[in-house]
Amino acid sequence: MSSTATPPSTATPSSAATTGTPQPLAEGTRITSPCGKSYVIDEVLYQRPRGKRLYCLYRASSEGKQYVLKDILPGDFDYILDLQKLVEGSAHVRTLVDSIPDRHMFVYSFLDANLQLVEPAENCPCVRKDILRDALAGLADLHDKGIYHTDIKPANIMMDSFQQSDGTIRFKELLPPGSPGLTKRLSGNQFWRSPEAWARGVHNTPSDIFSFGITAIYVWLNRMAFFSDEANAADDASEMILQRHLSHFTNGVEDFGGFIEYHGGEQDPFVQRCIQLLVEFDGKKKKRRPFRRWHPVDPEFKELVSRMTCLNPLRRITAREALQHPWFRA
């Protein structure tokens, strides 16, 4: 069966997703996938224009269950579909449950929360550690298949909440898969981005690990390492954010030397920029405390995150190694 999209009580197909018309599908629009399952649009969750097209995220319903329908770039549809098939058996990676090729749409199960919507301090330490462990397991499953996410941040760690018999709320965590390794691209959100992503250098699995380390700080300590109101309001916050990268996570001469070598030596423009930022930072009377000296912080957690956030990507711990770290076993 070919896919169709018809508003209820009419025979006129909606064409917004196929013609590039800059408007989202209307609530009540019914879309049928090739397998014959129908989804009714309930709500537009997100929309973003790209060129002449509008890409949307919808909440939809089918047979009493809720789903998310996501517009995909036409050129990426088959490629991302193949990536998702590689990890469809992972318990910790959210993969599609259906697709609508004619409309370049993926269908996912609806999850009611993400880490950006959950206040970390409101959950007990065991819940926060479970969230991080399960999300890291999903990331490890991606990396095992050679898939790099490139946009690790709290909003991309999706969760489904459920109430336990004692009345407490727990979560099942799922990490959506992303895209392949990249270069010459400024990927990821600026407050969670790795140094090599800032440099538009080669960023892949170690870059995901760096971003996961920053996410772990947020979940465990309720602190965004690179965020400030000033940076959030700035048109270009890179100087402020990179200063925090260098002050919090420069772990010795060997690490910084490896960082320089990774980016091609001291003549690299990004390396020169970082060296200048260090010089300027060292000239200030008030310096930011390196992460390894933050207190009071569990020493094992500090050691784990420090191994995730080395400036030199080649020295970072892998996702599988991190799962075996004593902090997760405690």
Protein backbone atom coordinates (compact mmCIF):
# COMPACT_ATOMS: atom_id res chain seq x y z
CA MET A 1 0.00 0.00 0.00
CA SER A 2 1.36 3.43 -0.88
CA SER A 3 1.41 6.11 1.80
CA THR A 4 -1.34 8.72 1.81
CA ALA A 5 -2.14 11.78 3.88
CA THR A 6 -5.75 12.92 3.91
CA PRO A 7 -7.48 15.24 6.37
CA PRO A 8 -10.53 13.63 8.00
CA SER A 9 -13.77 13.81 6.03
CA THR A 10 -12.07 15.02 2.86
CA ALA A 11 -10.46 13.39 -0.14
CA THR A 12 -7.88 16.13 -0.65
CA PRO A 13 -4.35 15.00 0.19
CA SER A 14 -2.28 17.39 2.25
CA SER A 15 0.84 18.37 0.28
CA ALA A 16 2.84 20.39 2.82
CA ALA A 17 5.45 17.69 3.39
CA THR A 18 5.94 16.76 -0.27
CA THR A 19 5.88 20.16 -2.00
CA GLY A 20 7.88 22.16 0.50
CA THR A 21 4.96 24.44 1.36
CA PRO A 22 6.09 26.37 4.49
CA GLN A 23 3.35 25.20 6.81
CA PRO A 24 3.03 22.21 9.12
CA LEU A 25 0.48 19.48 8.62
CA ALA A 26 -2.83 20.38 10.24
CA GLU A 27 -4.06 18.70 13.39
CA GLY A 28 -6.32 15.83 12.42
CA THR A 29 -4.38 14.98 9.25
CA ARG A 30 -4.28 11.23 8.77
CA ILE A 31 -1.14 9.63 7.35
CA THR A 32 -0.91 5.96 6.41
CA SER A 33 2.40 4.14 6.17
CA PRO A 34 3.16 1.44 3.55
CA CYS A 35 2.42 -1.26 6.13
CA GLY A 36 -1.14 0.06 6.43
CA LYS A 37 -0.90 1.71 9.85
CA SER A 38 -2.60 5.10 10.13
CA TYR A 39 -1.39 8.00 12.26
CA VAL A 40 -3.46 11.07 13.11
CA ILE A 41 -1.57 14.32 13.75
CA ASP A 42 -2.39 15.62 17.24
CA GLU A 43 0.15 18.39 17.73
CA VAL A 44 3.13 20.12 16.13
CA LEU A 45 5.96 19.73 18.65
CA TYR A 46 8.67 21.57 16.71
CA GLN A 47 9.21 23.20 13.34
CA ARG A 48 12.25 24.58 11.58
CA PRO A 49 12.60 26.01 8.06
CA ARG A 50 15.52 24.83 5.94
CA GLY A 51 15.65 26.48 2.56
CA LYS A 52 12.23 26.23 0.94
CA ARG A 53 11.14 23.32 3.13
CA LEU A 54 9.71 23.21 6.63
CA TYR A 55 10.82 20.31 8.82
CA CYS A 56 8.55 19.37 11.68
CA LEU A 57 8.24 17.04 14.62
CA TYR A 58 4.68 15.90 15.34
CA ARG A 59 2.90 14.06 18.11
CA ALA A 60 0.46 11.62 16.55
CA SER A 61 -1.83 8.82 17.66
CA SER A 62 -2.67 5.39 16.30
CA GLU A 63 -4.89 2.72 17.85
CA GLY A 64 -4.83 4.44 21.22
CA LYS A 65 -1.04 4.85 21.38
CA GLN A 66 1.06 7.98 20.93
CA TYR A 67 3.92 8.36 18.46
CA VAL A 68 6.32 10.97 17.17
CA LEU A 69 6.52 11.65 13.43
CA LYS A 70 9.71 13.35 12.26
CA ASP A 71 10.45 14.95 8.89
CA ILE A 72 13.81 13.83 7.48
CA LEU A 73 15.96 15.48 4.82
CA PRO A 74 15.13 13.57 1.59
CA GLY A 75 18.79 12.91 0.84
CA ASP A 76 19.35 11.49 4.35
CA PHE A 77 16.30 9.23 4.56
CA ASP A 78 17.74 5.94 3.27
CA TYR A 79 21.11 6.53 4.91
CA ILE A 80 19.68 7.18 8.39
CA LEU A 81 17.25 4.28 7.93
CA ASP A 82 20.21 1.95 7.38
CA LEU A 83 21.99 3.35 10.46
CA GLN A 84 18.96 2.79 12.64
CA LYS A 85 18.66 -0.81 11.50
CA LEU A 86 22.18 -1.43 12.82
CA VAL A 87 21.11 -0.68 16.40
CA GLU A 88 17.44 -1.64 16.38
CA GLY A 89 18.16 -4.43 18.87
CA SER A 90 19.59 -2.07 21.50
CA ALA A 91 17.48 -1.60 24.61
CA HIS A 92 18.94 1.87 25.10
CA VAL A 93 18.70 3.40 21.64
CA ARG A 94 15.40 4.72 20.37
CA THR A 95 14.99 3.59 16.79
CA LEU A 96 12.04 4.06 14.46
CA VAL A 97 9.04 1.77 14.62
CA ASP A 98 7.69 2.68 11.17
CA SER A 99 8.46 4.96 8.24
CA ILE A 100 6.59 6.86 5.58
CA PRO A 101 9.00 7.05 2.62
CA ASP A 102 6.76 9.14 0.33
CA ARG A 103 6.81 11.91 2.92
CA HIS A 104 10.37 11.29 4.15
CA MET A 105 9.08 10.67 7.68
CA PHE A 106 10.22 8.43 10.50
CA VAL A 107 7.83 7.20 13.20
CA TYR A 108 9.05 6.76 16.79
CA SER A 109 7.38 5.73 20.01
CA PHE A 110 6.39 8.77 22.05
CA LEU A 111 8.46 9.34 25.19
CA ASP A 112 7.23 11.83 27.75
CA ALA A 113 10.47 13.45 28.89
CA ASN A 114 14.08 14.26 28.13
CA LEU A 115 16.91 15.22 30.45
CA GLN A 116 16.43 18.90 29.67
CA LEU A 117 12.89 18.70 31.08
CA VAL A 118 13.85 16.76 34.21
CA GLU A 119 15.36 18.71 37.11
CA PRO A 120 18.36 16.54 38.13
CA ALA A 121 18.28 17.60 41.78
CA GLU A 122 14.70 16.34 42.11
CA ASN A 123 15.82 12.74 41.58
CA CYS A 124 17.74 10.64 44.07
CA PRO A 125 21.38 9.73 43.27
CA CYS A 126 20.48 6.15 42.30
CA VAL A 127 18.01 7.42 39.64
CA ARG A 128 20.52 9.92 38.27
CA LYS A 129 23.21 7.24 38.06
CA ASP A 130 20.79 4.85 36.32
CA ILE A 131 19.95 7.56 33.78
CA LEU A 132 23.62 8.12 32.99
CA ARG A 133 24.44 4.40 32.89
CA ASP A 134 21.59 3.56 30.52
CA ALA A 135 22.27 6.53 28.24
CA LEU A 136 25.96 5.60 28.14
CA ALA A 137 25.01 2.01 27.27
CA GLY A 138 23.01 3.37 24.32
CA LEU A 139 25.99 5.45 23.24
CA ALA A 140 28.25 2.39 23.50
CA ASP A 141 25.84 0.44 21.28
CA LEU A 142 26.07 3.21 18.67
CA HIS A 143 29.85 3.35 18.85
CA ASP A 144 30.13 -0.44 18.57
CA LYS A 145 28.49 -0.11 15.14
CA GLY A 146 30.71 2.80 14.09
CA ILE A 147 27.90 5.34 14.48
CA TYR A 148 28.81 8.75 15.89
CA HIS A 149 26.02 10.81 17.40
CA THR A 150 27.62 14.31 17.13
CA ASP A 151 24.94 16.04 19.21
CA ILE A 152 25.00 14.59 22.73
CA LYS A 153 23.12 16.85 25.15
CA PRO A 154 20.34 16.48 27.75
CA ALA A 155 17.57 17.24 25.25
CA ASN A 156 18.67 14.27 23.13
CA ILE A 157 18.49 11.76 25.95
CA MET A 158 14.83 10.79 25.75
CA MET A 159 13.06 9.06 28.61
CA ASP A 160 9.77 7.42 29.43
CA SER A 161 8.72 7.84 33.05
CA PHE A 162 6.83 5.27 35.09
CA GLN A 163 5.62 5.08 38.66
CA GLN A 164 6.91 2.33 40.93
CA SER A 165 4.84 0.49 43.50
CA ASP A 166 6.23 2.73 46.26
CA GLY A 167 5.03 5.83 44.41
CA THR A 168 8.45 7.02 43.25
CA ILE A 169 9.09 7.98 39.63
CA ARG A 170 11.71 6.12 37.60
CA PHE A 171 12.77 6.42 34.00
CA LYS A 172 13.57 4.20 31.07
CA GLU A 173 16.28 5.89 29.03
CA LEU A 174 16.75 5.80 25.29
CA LEU A 175 19.34 7.64 23.22
CA PRO A 176 18.32 8.56 19.65
CA PRO A 177 20.96 7.64 17.06
CA GLY A 178 22.61 10.42 15.12
CA SER A 179 24.94 10.88 12.18
CA PRO A 180 28.39 9.72 11.04
CA GLY A 181 31.77 11.19 11.96
CA LEU A 182 32.30 14.67 10.62
CA THR A 183 34.92 17.24 9.79
CA LYS A 184 34.83 20.89 8.65
CA ARG A 185 31.51 21.34 10.43
CA LEU A 186 30.46 23.09 13.64
CA SER A 187 28.20 20.36 14.97
CA GLY A 188 26.32 20.07 18.23
CA ASN A 189 24.98 22.64 20.68
CA GLN A 190 27.57 25.19 21.80
CA PHE A 191 27.13 24.46 25.53
CA TRP A 192 27.83 20.72 25.07
CA ARG A 193 30.26 20.77 22.13
CA SER A 194 33.72 19.16 22.17
CA PRO A 195 36.89 21.22 21.50
CA GLU A 196 37.51 19.48 18.17
CA ALA A 197 33.95 20.29 17.10
CA TRP A 198 34.66 23.96 17.88
CA ALA A 199 37.79 23.61 15.73
CA ARG A 200 35.79 22.09 12.88
CA GLY A 201 38.35 19.31 13.10
CA VAL A 202 37.86 15.56 12.96
CA HIS A 203 35.20 14.68 15.52
CA ASN A 204 33.77 11.22 16.07
CA THR A 205 33.30 8.83 18.99
CA PRO A 206 35.69 10.65 21.41
CA SER A 207 33.74 13.83 20.66
CA ASP A 208 30.54 12.12 21.80
CA ILE A 209 32.34 11.07 24.97
CA PHE A 210 33.42 14.64 25.73
CA SER A 211 29.84 15.87 25.35
CA PHE A 212 28.60 12.99 27.48
CA GLY A 213 31.03 14.02 30.23
CA ILE A 214 29.59 17.55 30.21
CA THR A 215 26.08 16.03 30.31
CA ALA A 216 27.12 13.86 33.27
CA ILE A 217 28.19 16.98 35.18
CA TYR A 218 24.75 18.44 34.55
CA VAL A 219 22.91 15.30 35.69
CA TRP A 220 25.05 14.56 38.75
CA LEU A 221 25.94 18.08 39.93
CA ASN A 222 23.03 20.06 38.42
CA ARG A 223 25.53 22.37 36.75
CA MET A 224 26.07 23.35 33.12
CA ALA A 225 29.84 23.63 32.84
CA PHE A 226 29.88 26.00 29.85
CA PHE A 227 26.68 27.96 30.37
CA SER A 228 26.39 31.54 31.57
CA ASP A 229 23.67 34.12 31.09
CA GLU A 230 26.21 36.33 29.33
CA ALA A 231 27.19 33.58 26.90
CA ASN A 232 23.55 32.63 26.29
CA ALA A 233 22.74 36.21 25.30
CA ALA A 234 25.80 36.77 23.13
CA ASP A 235 25.72 36.60 19.33
CA ASP A 236 29.10 34.88 19.47
CA ALA A 237 29.74 33.10 22.77
CA SER A 238 32.71 31.08 21.55
CA GLU A 239 35.36 33.06 23.43
CA MET A 240 33.58 32.70 26.78
CA ILE A 241 32.83 29.02 26.25
CA LEU A 242 36.32 28.11 25.04
CA GLN A 243 37.83 29.86 28.06
CA ARG A 244 35.81 27.49 30.24
CA HIS A 245 36.94 24.51 28.15
CA LEU A 246 40.55 25.44 28.72
CA SER A 247 40.24 26.38 32.39
CA HIS A 248 38.08 23.47 33.52
CA PHE A 249 39.47 20.64 31.38
CA THR A 250 43.14 21.23 30.57
CA ASN A 251 44.60 18.19 32.32
CA GLY A 252 48.34 18.89 32.27
CA VAL A 253 51.06 19.60 29.74
CA GLU A 254 50.83 16.15 28.11
CA ASP A 255 47.11 16.53 27.45
CA PHE A 256 47.47 20.03 25.99
CA GLY A 257 50.46 18.93 23.91
CA GLY A 258 48.39 16.07 22.49
CA PHE A 259 45.57 18.53 21.78
CA ILE A 260 47.99 20.70 19.79
CA GLU A 261 49.33 17.70 17.88
CA TYR A 262 45.81 16.40 17.14
CA HIS A 263 44.96 19.70 15.43
CA GLY A 264 48.13 19.82 13.35
CA GLY A 265 50.55 21.81 15.48
CA GLU A 266 50.91 25.33 16.82
CA GLN A 267 50.38 26.91 13.40
CA ASP A 268 46.78 25.76 13.28
CA PRO A 269 44.49 28.82 13.65
CA PHE A 270 42.29 27.14 16.27
CA VAL A 271 45.33 26.11 18.32
CA GLN A 272 46.68 29.66 18.12
CA ARG A 273 43.34 30.97 19.29
CA CYS A 274 43.32 28.60 22.28
CA ILE A 275 46.90 29.48 23.23
CA GLN A 276 46.00 33.17 23.15
CA LEU A 277 42.96 32.51 25.33
CA LEU A 278 45.18 30.71 27.82
CA VAL A 279 47.60 33.62 27.89
CA GLU A 280 44.77 36.08 28.46
CA PHE A 281 43.22 33.82 31.10
CA ASP A 282 46.50 33.39 32.97
CA GLY A 283 46.79 37.16 33.17
CA LYS A 284 43.59 37.47 35.18
CA LYS A 285 43.68 37.53 38.96
CA LYS A 286 40.58 35.37 39.36
CA LYS A 287 40.88 32.02 37.60
CA ARG A 288 38.23 29.36 37.15
CA ARG A 289 38.80 26.21 39.15
CA PRO A 290 39.82 23.12 37.09
CA PHE A 291 37.21 20.37 37.24
CA ARG A 292 39.61 17.99 38.98
CA ARG A 293 39.65 20.47 41.91
CA TRP A 294 35.88 21.01 42.17
CA HIS A 295 34.55 20.23 45.63
CA PRO A 296 32.66 18.66 47.22
CA VAL A 297 32.52 16.15 44.37
CA ASP A 298 32.80 12.36 44.57
CA PRO A 299 36.46 11.59 43.65
CA GLU A 300 35.46 8.61 41.50
CA PHE A 301 32.98 10.73 39.55
CA LYS A 302 35.66 13.38 39.09
CA GLU A 303 38.10 10.78 37.81
CA LEU A 304 35.55 9.35 35.36
CA VAL A 305 34.56 12.74 33.93
CA SER A 306 38.20 13.87 33.73
CA ARG A 307 38.92 10.82 31.57
CA MET A 308 35.95 11.73 29.35
CA THR A 309 36.93 15.38 28.93
CA CYS A 310 40.64 15.29 28.07
CA LEU A 311 41.38 18.03 25.54
CA ASN A 312 43.28 15.46 23.48
CA PRO A 313 40.57 13.20 21.97
CA LEU A 314 43.00 10.28 21.73
CA ARG A 315 43.31 10.13 25.53
CA ARG A 316 39.59 9.93 26.27
CA ILE A 317 37.99 6.85 27.74
CA THR A 318 35.61 4.90 25.47
CA ALA A 319 31.93 4.35 26.25
CA ARG A 320 32.49 0.66 26.96
CA GLU A 321 35.44 1.42 29.24
CA ALA A 322 33.41 4.07 31.05
CA LEU A 323 30.63 1.58 31.77
CA GLN A 324 33.17 -0.52 33.69
CA HIS A 325 34.38 2.43 35.75
CA PRO A 326 34.14 1.99 39.57
CA TRP A 327 31.77 4.96 39.84
CA PHE A 328 29.07 3.06 37.95
CA ARG A 329 29.63 -0.06 40.03
CA ALA A 330 29.30 1.73 43.37
